[in-house]
C-alpha atoms as a PDB file:
ATOM      1  CA  MET A   1      10.482 -14.392  -7.751  1.00  0.00           C
ATOM      2  CA  THR A   2      11.731 -17.106  -5.406  1.00  0.00           C
ATOM      3  CA  GLY A   3       9.956 -20.251  -6.571  1.00  0.00           C
ATOM      4  CA  ARG A   4       6.354 -21.105  -5.649  1.00  0.00           C
ATOM      5  CA  PRO A   5       5.208 -19.054  -2.645  1.00  0.00           C
ATOM      6  CA  ASP A   6       2.471 -20.344  -0.392  1.00  0.00           C
ATOM      7  CA  VAL A   7       0.839 -16.915  -0.249  1.00  0.00           C
ATOM      8  CA  LEU A   8       1.036 -13.764  -2.337  1.00  0.00           C
ATOM      9  CA  VAL A   9       0.062 -10.734  -0.235  1.00  0.00           C
ATOM     10  CA  LEU A  10      -1.156  -7.886  -2.389  1.00  0.00           C
ATOM     11  CA  GLY A  11      -0.990  -4.292  -1.137  1.00  0.00           C
ATOM     12  CA  GLY A  12      -0.982  -2.861   2.364  1.00  0.00           C
ATOM     13  CA  ALA A  13       2.708  -1.942   2.647  1.00  0.00           C
ATOM     14  CA  GLY A  14       3.529   1.236   4.523  1.00  0.00           C
ATOM     15  CA  VAL A  15       4.815   3.020   7.595  1.00  0.00           C
ATOM     16  CA  ASP A  16       3.070   3.998  10.824  1.00  0.00           C
ATOM     17  CA  THR A  17       3.973   6.662  13.350  1.00  0.00           C
ATOM     18  CA  ILE A  18       2.887   5.477  16.810  1.00  0.00           C
ATOM     19  CA  ILE A  19       1.837   7.944  19.512  1.00  0.00           C
ATOM     20  CA  GLN A  20       0.749   6.721  22.944  1.00  0.00           C
ATOM     21  CA  VAL A  21      -1.975   9.072  24.210  1.00  0.00           C
ATOM     22  CA  PRO A  22      -3.498   9.318  27.710  1.00  0.00           C
ATOM     23  CA  GLU A  23      -7.019   8.483  26.519  1.00  0.00           C
ATOM     24  CA  LEU A  24      -9.229   8.023  23.467  1.00  0.00           C
ATOM     25  CA  PRO A  25     -11.042  10.047  22.328  1.00  0.00           C
ATOM     26  CA  LEU A  26      -8.360  12.620  22.994  1.00  0.00           C
ATOM     27  CA  PRO A  27      -9.805  15.840  24.447  1.00  0.00           C
ATOM     28  CA  TYR A  28      -8.777  19.040  22.724  1.00  0.00           C
ATOM     29  CA  ALA A  29      -5.711  20.722  24.178  1.00  0.00           C
ATOM     30  CA  ASP A  30      -3.072  23.048  22.821  1.00  0.00           C
ATOM     31  CA  SER A  31      -0.376  20.462  23.536  1.00  0.00           C
ATOM     32  CA  TYR A  32       0.308  17.082  25.159  1.00  0.00           C
ATOM     33  CA  MET A  33       3.563  15.833  26.632  1.00  0.00           C
ATOM     34  CA  ILE A  34       4.231  12.294  25.310  1.00  0.00           C
ATOM     35  CA  ASP A  35       6.660  10.662  27.713  1.00  0.00           C
ATOM     36  CA  SER A  36       6.452   7.261  25.983  1.00  0.00           C
ATOM     37  CA  GLY A  37       8.029   8.688  22.840  1.00  0.00           C
ATOM     38  CA  ILE A  38       6.849   8.978  19.242  1.00  0.00           C
ATOM     39  CA  ARG A  39       8.058   6.104  17.067  1.00  0.00           C
ATOM     40  CA  THR A  40       7.932   5.474  13.336  1.00  0.00           C
ATOM     41  CA  ARG A  41       8.198   1.908  12.055  1.00  0.00           C
ATOM     42  CA  ALA A  42       7.343  -0.078   8.951  1.00  0.00           C
ATOM     43  CA  GLY A  43       4.203  -2.157   9.112  1.00  0.00           C
ATOM     44  CA  GLN A  44       0.674  -1.731   7.794  1.00  0.00           C
ATOM     45  CA  THR A  45      -2.004  -4.329   7.108  1.00  0.00           C
ATOM     46  CA  GLY A  46      -0.283  -6.179   4.244  1.00  0.00           C
ATOM     47  CA  ASP A  47       3.073  -6.097   6.025  1.00  0.00           C
ATOM     48  CA  PHE A  48       1.523  -7.580   9.170  1.00  0.00           C
ATOM     49  CA  VAL A  49      -0.262 -10.373   7.277  1.00  0.00           C
ATOM     50  CA  ALA A  50       2.993 -11.202   5.475  1.00  0.00           C
ATOM     51  CA  LEU A  51       4.936 -11.177   8.755  1.00  0.00           C
ATOM     52  CA  GLY A  52       2.344 -13.369  10.452  1.00  0.00           C
ATOM     53  CA  LEU A  53       2.408 -15.927   7.651  1.00  0.00           C
ATOM     54  CA  ALA A  54       6.209 -15.977   7.527  1.00  0.00           C
ATOM     55  CA  ALA A  55       6.459 -16.451  11.299  1.00  0.00           C
ATOM     56  CA  LEU A  56       4.234 -19.519  10.900  1.00  0.00           C
ATOM     57  CA  GLY A  57       6.660 -21.012   8.407  1.00  0.00           C
ATOM     58  CA  LEU A  58       4.943 -20.178   5.127  1.00  0.00           C
ATOM     59  CA  ASP A  59       6.748 -18.888   2.047  1.00  0.00           C
ATOM     60  CA  VAL A  60       5.380 -15.399   1.369  1.00  0.00           C
ATOM     61  CA  HIS A  61       5.744 -12.907  -1.475  1.00  0.00           C
ATOM     62  CA  HIS A  62       4.511  -9.334  -0.998  1.00  0.00           C
ATOM     63  CA  LEU A  63       3.607  -6.982  -3.857  1.00  0.00           C
ATOM     64  CA  ASP A  64       2.904  -3.280  -3.431  1.00  0.00           C
ATOM     65  CA  LEU A  65       3.896   0.137  -4.715  1.00  0.00           C
ATOM     66  CA  LEU A  66       6.637   1.868  -2.711  1.00  0.00           C
ATOM     67  CA  GLY A  67       8.255   5.258  -2.949  1.00  0.00           C
ATOM     68  CA  ASP A  68      11.951   5.987  -3.259  1.00  0.00           C
ATOM     69  CA  ASP A  69      11.886   7.610   0.169  1.00  0.00           C
ATOM     70  CA  PRO A  70      12.842   6.903   3.811  1.00  0.00           C
ATOM     71  CA  GLU A  71       9.481   5.237   4.445  1.00  0.00           C
ATOM     72  CA  GLY A  72      10.018   2.891   1.521  1.00  0.00           C
ATOM     73  CA  ASP A  73      13.481   2.064   2.837  1.00  0.00           C
ATOM     74  CA  LEU A  74      11.932   1.078   6.187  1.00  0.00           C
ATOM     75  CA  VAL A  75       9.482  -1.271   4.457  1.00  0.00           C
ATOM     76  CA  ARG A  76      12.235  -2.863   2.367  1.00  0.00           C
ATOM     77  CA  ALA A  77      14.403  -3.348   5.440  1.00  0.00           C
ATOM     78  CA  LEU A  78      11.522  -4.993   7.333  1.00  0.00           C
ATOM     79  CA  HIS A  79      11.065  -7.552   4.565  1.00  0.00           C
ATOM     80  CA  ARG A  80      14.786  -8.280   4.334  1.00  0.00           C
ATOM     81  CA  GLU A  81      14.949  -8.764   8.117  1.00  0.00           C
ATOM     82  CA  HIS A  82      12.163 -11.359   8.040  1.00  0.00           C
ATOM     83  CA  GLY A  83      13.148 -13.058   4.784  1.00  0.00           C
ATOM     84  CA  ILE A  84       9.972 -12.059   2.934  1.00  0.00           C
ATOM     85  CA  ALA A  85      10.232 -11.646  -0.826  1.00  0.00           C
ATOM     86  CA  LEU A  86       9.103  -8.176  -1.904  1.00  0.00           C
ATOM     87  CA  THR A  87       8.252  -6.832  -5.337  1.00  0.00           C
ATOM     88  CA  ALA A  88       7.833  -3.056  -5.155  1.00  0.00           C
ATOM     89  CA  PRO A  89       7.103  -1.096  -8.333  1.00  0.00           C
ATOM     90  CA  ALA A  90       7.771   2.625  -7.968  1.00  0.00           C
ATOM     91  CA  GLN A  91       5.161   4.937  -6.469  1.00  0.00           C
ATOM     92  CA  PRO A  92       6.144   8.526  -7.395  1.00  0.00           C
ATOM     93  CA  LEU A  93       3.854   9.972  -4.718  1.00  0.00           C
ATOM     94  CA  GLY A  94       5.727   8.110  -1.991  1.00  0.00           C
ATOM     95  CA  THR A  95       5.153   5.210   0.388  1.00  0.00           C
ATOM     96  CA  LYS A  96       1.849   4.945   2.248  1.00  0.00           C
ATOM     97  CA  ARG A  97       1.964   6.278   5.801  1.00  0.00           C
ATOM     98  CA  ALA A  98      -0.322   6.746   8.775  1.00  0.00           C
ATOM     99  CA  VAL A  99      -0.371   8.020  12.351  1.00  0.00           C
ATOM    100  CA  ASN A 100      -1.771   5.713  15.051  1.00  0.00           C
ATOM    101  CA  LEU A 101      -2.964   7.174  18.340  1.00  0.00           C
ATOM    102  CA  VAL A 102      -2.939   4.342  20.903  1.00  0.00           C
ATOM    103  CA  GLY A 103      -4.825   4.608  24.215  1.00  0.00           C
ATOM    104  CA  PRO A 104      -3.889   2.981  27.536  1.00  0.00           C
ATOM    105  CA  ASP A 105      -6.397   0.169  26.938  1.00  0.00           C
ATOM    106  CA  GLY A 106      -4.835  -0.732  23.580  1.00  0.00           C
ATOM    107  CA  ARG A 107      -7.509   0.863  21.397  1.00  0.00           C
ATOM    108  CA  ARG A 108      -6.259   2.900  18.469  1.00  0.00           C
ATOM    109  CA  LEU A 109      -7.267   5.697  16.150  1.00  0.00           C
ATOM    110  CA  SER A 110      -5.553   5.611  12.749  1.00  0.00           C
ATOM    111  CA  LEU A 111      -5.043   8.649  10.521  1.00  0.00           C
ATOM    112  CA  TYR A 112      -4.168   7.687   6.935  1.00  0.00           C
ATOM    113  CA  ASP A 113      -2.349   9.982   4.519  1.00  0.00           C
ATOM    114  CA  THR A 114      -4.357   9.648   1.294  1.00  0.00           C
ATOM    115  CA  SER A 115      -2.100  12.027  -0.620  1.00  0.00           C
ATOM    116  CA  ARG A 116       0.187   9.103  -1.496  1.00  0.00           C
ATOM    117  CA  THR A 117      -2.305   7.320  -3.725  1.00  0.00           C
ATOM    118  CA  ARG A 118      -4.046   8.385  -6.915  1.00  0.00           C
ATOM    119  CA  ALA A 119      -6.891   7.051  -9.008  1.00  0.00           C
ATOM    120  CA  GLY A 120      -4.656   6.051 -11.919  1.00  0.00           C
ATOM    121  CA  ASP A 121      -2.265   3.854  -9.918  1.00  0.00           C
ATOM    122  CA  ARG A 122      -1.897   0.305 -11.243  1.00  0.00           C
ATOM    123  CA  PHE A 123       0.272  -2.736 -10.604  1.00  0.00           C
ATOM    124  CA  PRO A 124       2.061  -4.033 -13.728  1.00  0.00           C
ATOM    125  CA  GLU A 125      -0.362  -6.570 -15.181  1.00  0.00           C
ATOM    126  CA  ALA A 126       2.347  -9.035 -16.187  1.00  0.00           C
ATOM    127  CA  THR A 127       3.770  -8.963 -12.651  1.00  0.00           C
ATOM    128  CA  VAL A 128       0.378  -9.664 -11.074  1.00  0.00           C
ATOM    129  CA  ARG A 129      -0.311 -12.530 -13.456  1.00  0.00           C
ATOM    130  CA  ALA A 130       3.111 -14.128 -12.930  1.00  0.00           C
ATOM    131  CA  LEU A 131       3.047 -13.882  -9.135  1.00  0.00           C
ATOM    132  CA  ALA A 132      -0.565 -15.067  -8.861  1.00  0.00           C
ATOM    133  CA  ALA A 133       0.084 -18.035 -11.142  1.00  0.00           C
ATOM    134  CA  ALA A 134       2.959 -19.118  -8.908  1.00  0.00           C
ATOM    135  CA  ALA A 135       1.102 -18.832  -5.576  1.00  0.00           C
ATOM    136  CA  ARG A 136      -1.094 -21.317  -3.748  1.00  0.00           C
ATOM    137  CA  HIS A 137      -3.201 -18.490  -2.322  1.00  0.00           C
ATOM    138  CA  VAL A 138      -3.524 -14.699  -2.686  1.00  0.00           C
ATOM    139  CA  HIS A 139      -4.475 -12.380   0.167  1.00  0.00           C
ATOM    140  CA  VAL A 140      -5.732  -9.049  -1.180  1.00  0.00           C
ATOM    141  CA  THR A 141      -5.749  -5.983   1.051  1.00  0.00           C
ATOM    142  CA  ILE A 142      -8.294  -3.237   0.409  1.00  0.00           C
ATOM    143  CA  THR A 143      -5.655  -0.577  -0.255  1.00  0.00           C
ATOM    144  CA  GLN A 144      -5.358   0.976  -3.699  1.00  0.00           C
ATOM    145  CA  PRO A 145      -4.763  -0.141  -6.404  1.00  0.00           C
ATOM    146  CA  CYS A 146      -5.687  -3.696  -5.376  1.00  0.00           C
ATOM    147  CA  ALA A 147      -9.294  -3.483  -6.596  1.00  0.00           C
ATOM    148  CA  GLU A 148      -8.026  -3.203 -10.165  1.00  0.00           C
ATOM    149  CA  THR A 149      -6.279  -6.587  -9.871  1.00  0.00           C
ATOM    150  CA  LEU A 150      -9.346  -8.592  -8.841  1.00  0.00           C
ATOM    151  CA  PRO A 151     -10.380  -9.599 -12.412  1.00  0.00           C
ATOM    152  CA  LEU A 152      -6.799 -10.704 -13.170  1.00  0.00           C
ATOM    153  CA  LEU A 153      -6.653 -12.748  -9.987  1.00  0.00           C
ATOM    154  CA  ARG A 154      -9.962 -14.451 -10.721  1.00  0.00           C
ATOM    155  CA  GLU A 155      -8.682 -15.318 -14.213  1.00  0.00           C
ATOM    156  CA  ALA A 156      -5.620 -16.902 -12.611  1.00  0.00           C
ATOM    157  CA  GLY A 157      -7.913 -19.287 -10.741  1.00  0.00           C
ATOM    158  CA  VAL A 158      -6.017 -18.930  -7.465  1.00  0.00           C
ATOM    159  CA  PRO A 159      -8.007 -18.895  -4.187  1.00  0.00           C
ATOM    160  CA  LEU A 160      -8.401 -15.389  -2.744  1.00  0.00           C
ATOM    161  CA  SER A 161      -8.911 -13.924   0.713  1.00  0.00           C
ATOM    162  CA  THR A 162      -9.463 -10.343   1.813  1.00  0.00           C
ATOM    163  CA  ASP A 163      -9.984  -8.356   5.004  1.00  0.00           C
ATOM    164  CA  LEU A 164     -12.704  -5.685   4.911  1.00  0.00           C
ATOM    165  CA  HIS A 165     -11.615  -4.338   8.334  1.00  0.00           C
ATOM    166  CA  ASP A 166     -14.306  -2.106   9.895  1.00  0.00           C
ATOM    167  CA  TRP A 167     -16.707  -2.163   6.934  1.00  0.00           C
ATOM    168  CA  ASP A 168     -20.178  -0.896   7.799  1.00  0.00           C
ATOM    169  CA  GLY A 169     -21.810  -3.291   5.360  1.00  0.00           C
ATOM    170  CA  GLU A 170     -22.892  -0.422   3.100  1.00  0.00           C
ATOM    171  CA  ASN A 171     -19.806   1.376   1.736  1.00  0.00           C
ATOM    172  CA  PRO A 172     -19.619   0.335  -1.947  1.00  0.00           C
ATOM    173  CA  TYR A 173     -15.811   0.612  -2.008  1.00  0.00           C
ATOM    174  CA  HIS A 174     -15.520  -2.704  -0.146  1.00  0.00           C
ATOM    175  CA  GLU A 175     -17.991  -4.677  -2.244  1.00  0.00           C
ATOM    176  CA  PRO A 176     -15.676  -5.774  -5.102  1.00  0.00           C
ATOM    177  CA  PHE A 177     -13.314  -7.269  -2.523  1.00  0.00           C
ATOM    178  CA  ALA A 178     -16.146  -8.859  -0.527  1.00  0.00           C
ATOM    179  CA  TYR A 179     -17.698 -10.553  -3.552  1.00  0.00           C
ATOM    180  CA  ALA A 180     -14.480 -11.662  -5.306  1.00  0.00           C
ATOM    181  CA  ALA A 181     -12.807 -13.476  -2.394  1.00  0.00           C
ATOM    182  CA  ASP A 182     -13.215 -17.107  -1.347  1.00  0.00           C
ATOM    183  CA  VAL A 183     -12.444 -16.221   2.290  1.00  0.00           C
ATOM    184  CA  VAL A 184     -13.615 -12.899   3.735  1.00  0.00           C
ATOM    185  CA  PHE A 185     -12.508 -11.436   7.052  1.00  0.00           C
ATOM    186  CA  LEU A 186     -14.083  -8.356   8.599  1.00  0.00           C
ATOM    187  CA  SER A 187     -14.525  -6.672  11.947  1.00  0.00           C
ATOM    188  CA  ALA A 188     -17.984  -6.590  13.516  1.00  0.00           C
ATOM    189  CA  ALA A 189     -17.234  -3.180  15.074  1.00  0.00           C
ATOM    190  CA  ALA A 190     -19.248  -1.126  12.573  1.00  0.00           C
ATOM    191  CA  LEU A 191     -21.896  -3.727  11.690  1.00  0.00           C
ATOM    192  CA  ALA A 192     -25.447  -3.299  12.961  1.00  0.00           C
ATOM    193  CA  HIS A 193     -26.287  -6.902  12.002  1.00  0.00           C
ATOM    194  CA  PRO A 194     -23.093  -8.987  11.615  1.00  0.00           C
ATOM    195  CA  GLU A 195     -24.800 -12.265  10.678  1.00  0.00           C
ATOM    196  CA  ARG A 196     -26.984 -10.572   8.077  1.00  0.00           C
ATOM    197  CA  THR A 197     -23.943  -8.934   6.485  1.00  0.00           C
ATOM    198  CA  MET A 198     -21.947 -12.166   6.551  1.00  0.00           C
ATOM    199  CA  ARG A 199     -24.718 -14.102   4.838  1.00  0.00           C
ATOM    200  CA  ARG A 200     -25.148 -11.382   2.225  1.00  0.00           C
ATOM    201  CA  VAL A 201     -21.430 -11.590   1.400  1.00  0.00           C
ATOM    202  CA  ALA A 202     -21.689 -15.366   1.004  1.00  0.00           C
ATOM    203  CA  GLU A 203     -24.887 -15.200  -1.088  1.00  0.00           C
ATOM    204  CA  ARG A 204     -23.784 -12.435  -3.466  1.00  0.00           C
ATOM    205  CA  GLY A 205     -20.153 -13.409  -3.843  1.00  0.00           C
ATOM    206  CA  ARG A 206     -17.837 -16.395  -4.004  1.00  0.00           C
ATOM    207  CA  ALA A 207     -16.997 -16.731  -0.321  1.00  0.00           C
ATOM    208  CA  GLY A 208     -17.468 -20.143   1.190  1.00  0.00           C
ATOM    209  CA  THR A 209     -16.045 -18.810   4.459  1.00  0.00           C
ATOM    210  CA  VAL A 210     -16.772 -15.474   6.147  1.00  0.00           C
ATOM    211  CA  VAL A 211     -15.340 -14.508   9.544  1.00  0.00           C
ATOM    212  CA  ALA A 212     -16.416 -11.502  11.612  1.00  0.00           C
ATOM    213  CA  THR A 213     -14.087 -10.746  14.520  1.00  0.00           C
ATOM    214  CA  ALA A 214     -15.312  -8.956  17.628  1.00  0.00           C
ATOM    215  CA  GLY A 215     -12.289  -8.552  19.896  1.00  0.00           C
ATOM    216  CA  ALA A 216     -12.857  -9.822  23.423  1.00  0.00           C
ATOM    217  CA  ARG A 217     -16.272 -11.153  22.348  1.00  0.00           C
ATOM    218  CA  GLY A 218     -14.633 -13.656  20.031  1.00  0.00           C
ATOM    219  CA  ALA A 219     -15.658 -14.147  16.407  1.00  0.00           C
ATOM    220  CA  CYS A 220     -18.430 -15.523  14.220  1.00  0.00           C
ATOM    221  CA  LEU A 221     -17.574 -18.062  11.531  1.00  0.00           C
ATOM    222  CA  LEU A 222     -19.857 -18.699   8.569  1.00  0.00           C
ATOM    223  CA  ALA A 223     -18.745 -21.805   6.680  1.00  0.00           C
ATOM    224  CA  GLY A 224     -20.863 -24.114   4.556  1.00  0.00           C
ATOM    225  CA  GLY A 225     -23.909 -22.049   5.488  1.00  0.00           C
ATOM    226  CA  GLU A 226     -23.471 -22.791   9.202  1.00  0.00           C
ATOM    227  CA  LEU A 227     -22.780 -20.030  11.720  1.00  0.00           C
ATOM    228  CA  THR A 228     -20.429 -20.913  14.585  1.00  0.00           C
ATOM    229  CA  ARG A 229     -19.431 -18.750  17.554  1.00  0.00           C
ATOM    230  CA  ILE A 230     -15.681 -18.801  18.165  1.00  0.00           C
ATOM    231  CA  PRO A 231     -14.690 -17.926  21.757  1.00  0.00           C
ATOM    232  CA  ALA A 232     -12.023 -15.319  22.348  1.00  0.00           C
ATOM    233  CA  THR A 233      -8.686 -16.564  23.627  1.00  0.00           C
ATOM    234  CA  ALA A 234      -7.159 -15.052  26.760  1.00  0.00           C
ATOM    235  CA  PRO A 235      -4.081 -12.987  25.855  1.00  0.00           C
ATOM    236  CA  PRO A 236      -0.852 -14.483  27.257  1.00  0.00           C
ATOM    237  CA  ALA A 237       0.161 -11.079  28.705  1.00  0.00           C
ATOM    238  CA  PRO A 238      -1.461  -7.686  29.370  1.00  0.00           C
ATOM    239  CA  VAL A 239      -3.138  -6.043  26.368  1.00  0.00           C
ATOM    240  CA  VAL A 240      -1.132  -3.030  25.203  1.00  0.00           C
ATOM    241  CA  ASP A 241      -2.250  -2.435  21.606  1.00  0.00           C
ATOM    242  CA  SER A 242      -4.913  -3.847  19.299  1.00  0.00           C
ATOM    243  CA  ASN A 243      -3.036  -2.760  16.167  1.00  0.00           C
ATOM    244  CA  GLY A 244      -2.430  -5.742  13.891  1.00  0.00           C
ATOM    245  CA  ALA A 245      -4.733  -8.130  15.777  1.00  0.00           C
ATOM    246  CA  GLY A 246      -7.024  -8.601  12.783  1.00  0.00           C
ATOM    247  CA  ASP A 247      -4.041  -9.140  10.481  1.00  0.00           C
ATOM    248  CA  ALA A 248      -2.654 -11.745  12.881  1.00  0.00           C
ATOM    249  CA  PHE A 249      -6.045 -13.477  12.961  1.00  0.00           C
ATOM    250  CA  ALA A 250      -6.163 -13.612   9.156  1.00  0.00           C
ATOM    251  CA  ALA A 251      -2.582 -14.921   8.878  1.00  0.00           C
ATOM    252  CA  ALA A 252      -3.136 -17.733  11.386  1.00  0.00           C
ATOM    253  CA  PHE A 253      -6.494 -18.649   9.833  1.00  0.00           C
ATOM    254  CA  LEU A 254      -4.850 -18.911   6.404  1.00  0.00           C
ATOM    255  CA  PHE A 255      -2.026 -20.995   7.895  1.00  0.00           C
ATOM    256  CA  GLY A 256      -4.639 -23.439   9.136  1.00  0.00           C
ATOM    257  CA  ARG A 257      -6.494 -23.443   5.830  1.00  0.00           C
ATOM    258  CA  LEU A 258      -3.338 -24.118   3.819  1.00  0.00           C
ATOM    259  CA  SER A 259      -2.463 -26.870   6.294  1.00  0.00           C
ATOM    260  CA  GLY A 260      -5.779 -28.604   5.533  1.00  0.00           C
ATOM    261  CA  GLU A 261      -7.499 -27.835   8.842  1.00  0.00           C
ATOM    262  CA  PRO A 262     -11.302 -27.426   9.079  1.00  0.00           C
ATOM    263  CA  PRO A 263     -12.674 -23.868   9.391  1.00  0.00           C
ATOM    264  CA  GLU A 264     -13.330 -24.136  13.151  1.00  0.00           C
ATOM    265  CA  VAL A 265      -9.681 -25.032  13.806  1.00  0.00           C
ATOM    266  CA  CYS A 266      -8.532 -22.237  11.493  1.00  0.00           C
ATOM    267  CA  ALA A 267     -10.666 -19.771  13.443  1.00  0.00           C
ATOM    268  CA  ARG A 268      -9.217 -20.982  16.745  1.00  0.00           C
ATOM    269  CA  TYR A 269      -5.725 -20.428  15.333  1.00  0.00           C
ATOM    270  CA  GLY A 270      -6.836 -16.934  14.369  1.00  0.00           C
ATOM    271  CA  ALA A 271      -8.187 -16.175  17.838  1.00  0.00           C
ATOM    272  CA  ILE A 272      -4.927 -17.294  19.458  1.00  0.00           C
ATOM    273  CA  ALA A 273      -2.773 -15.218  17.084  1.00  0.00           C
ATOM    274  CA  GLY A 274      -5.015 -12.166  17.447  1.00  0.00           C
ATOM    275  CA  ALA A 275      -4.822 -12.338  21.244  1.00  0.00           C
ATOM    276  CA  HIS A 276      -1.034 -12.628  21.054  1.00  0.00           C
ATOM    277  CA  ALA A 277      -0.850  -9.564  18.781  1.00  0.00           C
ATOM    278  CA  CYS A 278      -2.683  -7.461  21.385  1.00  0.00           C
ATOM    279  CA  THR A 279       0.220  -8.007  23.802  1.00  0.00           C
ATOM    280  CA  VAL A 280       2.841  -6.609  21.397  1.00  0.00           C
ATOM    281  CA  PRO A 281       3.532  -2.853  21.660  1.00  0.00           C
ATOM    282  CA  ALA A 282       2.700  -0.891  18.522  1.00  0.00           C
ATOM    283  CA  SER A 283       6.330   0.142  18.180  1.00  0.00           C
ATOM    284  CA  ARG A 284       7.334  -3.500  17.467  1.00  0.00           C
ATOM    285  CA  THR A 285       6.593  -5.857  14.583  1.00  0.00           C
ATOM    286  CA  GLU A 286       6.368  -9.318  16.092  1.00  0.00           C
ATOM    287  CA  ALA A 287       4.117 -12.290  15.337  1.00  0.00           C
ATOM    288  CA  ILE A 288       3.374 -15.603  17.012  1.00  0.00           C
ATOM    289  CA  ASP A 289       5.423 -18.485  15.620  1.00  0.00           C
ATOM    290  CA  ARG A 290       4.238 -21.936  14.584  1.00  0.00           C
ATOM    291  CA  ASP A 291       5.405 -23.783  17.709  1.00  0.00           C
ATOM    292  CA  GLU A 292       3.680 -21.394  20.105  1.00  0.00           C
ATOM    293  CA  LEU A 293       0.499 -21.322  18.032  1.00  0.00           C
ATOM    294  CA  LEU A 294       0.202 -25.099  17.888  1.00  0.00           C
ATOM    295  CA  GLU A 295       1.110 -25.466  21.558  1.00  0.00           C
ATOM    296  CA  ARG A 296      -1.588 -23.028  22.618  1.00  0.00           C
ATOM    297  CA  ALA A 297      -4.104 -24.561  20.216  1.00  0.00           C
ATOM    298  CA  ALA A 298      -3.539 -27.948  21.851  1.00  0.00           C
ATOM    299  CA  GLU A 299      -4.518 -26.572  25.268  1.00  0.00           C
ATOM    300  CA  PRO A 300      -8.146 -26.722  26.431  1.00  0.00           C
ATOM    301  CA  SER A 301     -10.128 -23.752  25.097  1.00  0.00           C
ATOM    302  CA  ARG A 302      -9.410 -20.741  27.327  1.00  0.00           C
ATOM    303  CA  GLN A 303     -11.762 -17.910  28.185  1.00  0.00           C
ATOM    304  CA  ASP A 304     -11.057 -14.322  27.362  1.00  0.00           C
ATOM    305  CA  SER A 305      -9.741 -11.848  29.921  1.00  0.00           C
ATOM    306  CA  ALA A 306     -13.254 -10.810  30.962  1.00  0.00           C
ATOM    307  CA  GLY A 307     -14.222 -14.393  31.758  1.00  0.00           C
ATOM    308  CA  ARG A 308     -16.595 -14.804  28.823  1.00  0.00           C
ATOM    309  CA  PRO A 309     -16.523 -18.157  27.018  1.00  0.00           C
END
């Protein structure tokens, strides 16, 4: 432990193998020639949130299970490189890993290796309690075994956030996270009725703020019972990969929240950071820094790349 961190990020550490494919969905073929290369790098949802927060100047501590394997070494090296404190109890099954197929338009298809988790996995209770008690805020990813920590975190009295990613609004796995967090992020991609789902999360749980992101269509912010449309921000360069955009949005939103900004400003920070993330190739781990975020936020609101407000 390195003093009082601004944010404890719980879970979501792992390694991705990135494959650029000619289109998505990928038609069946016996083989494809990949001239852009196949790259493996550290960085899954918790890693990206931690990196985004650290790039914005916040003190971050990351807790997750890691294997004593080459993938775990990549994750440890990533945290050392960016000065992010990491507590990593042993995972005998190995470090989480995935394969991301990335299309020319930046869309991705992720294949997760579930063989590296098991139902009985747990974080050491004393470690969770100590780290949560020291933090100003805890961001909980939906990877295992984070669900088991939610009662401990609520006992600690620390504010919580979570990202439900592409929840369909029905899968019961996501509900403990949705109803325990004070701030809930999710993608609108799989939601038939985003506003209805957002209001249900707020009514049944603790969330005073719910944000549904929708890519180039911007985002919806529910705060204090009021729904606000947040315009998308034009990316500063061509879009090459959407991987990590939601994590960047969450990190910048939390930066704003911990800086005392109102929810609408936090959401604008998120939109700017998410747009920036879409311009970073999947093979790199790079986040917008504080100076660039604040500089872009000070500019007049910009339209997205399709010209929509």
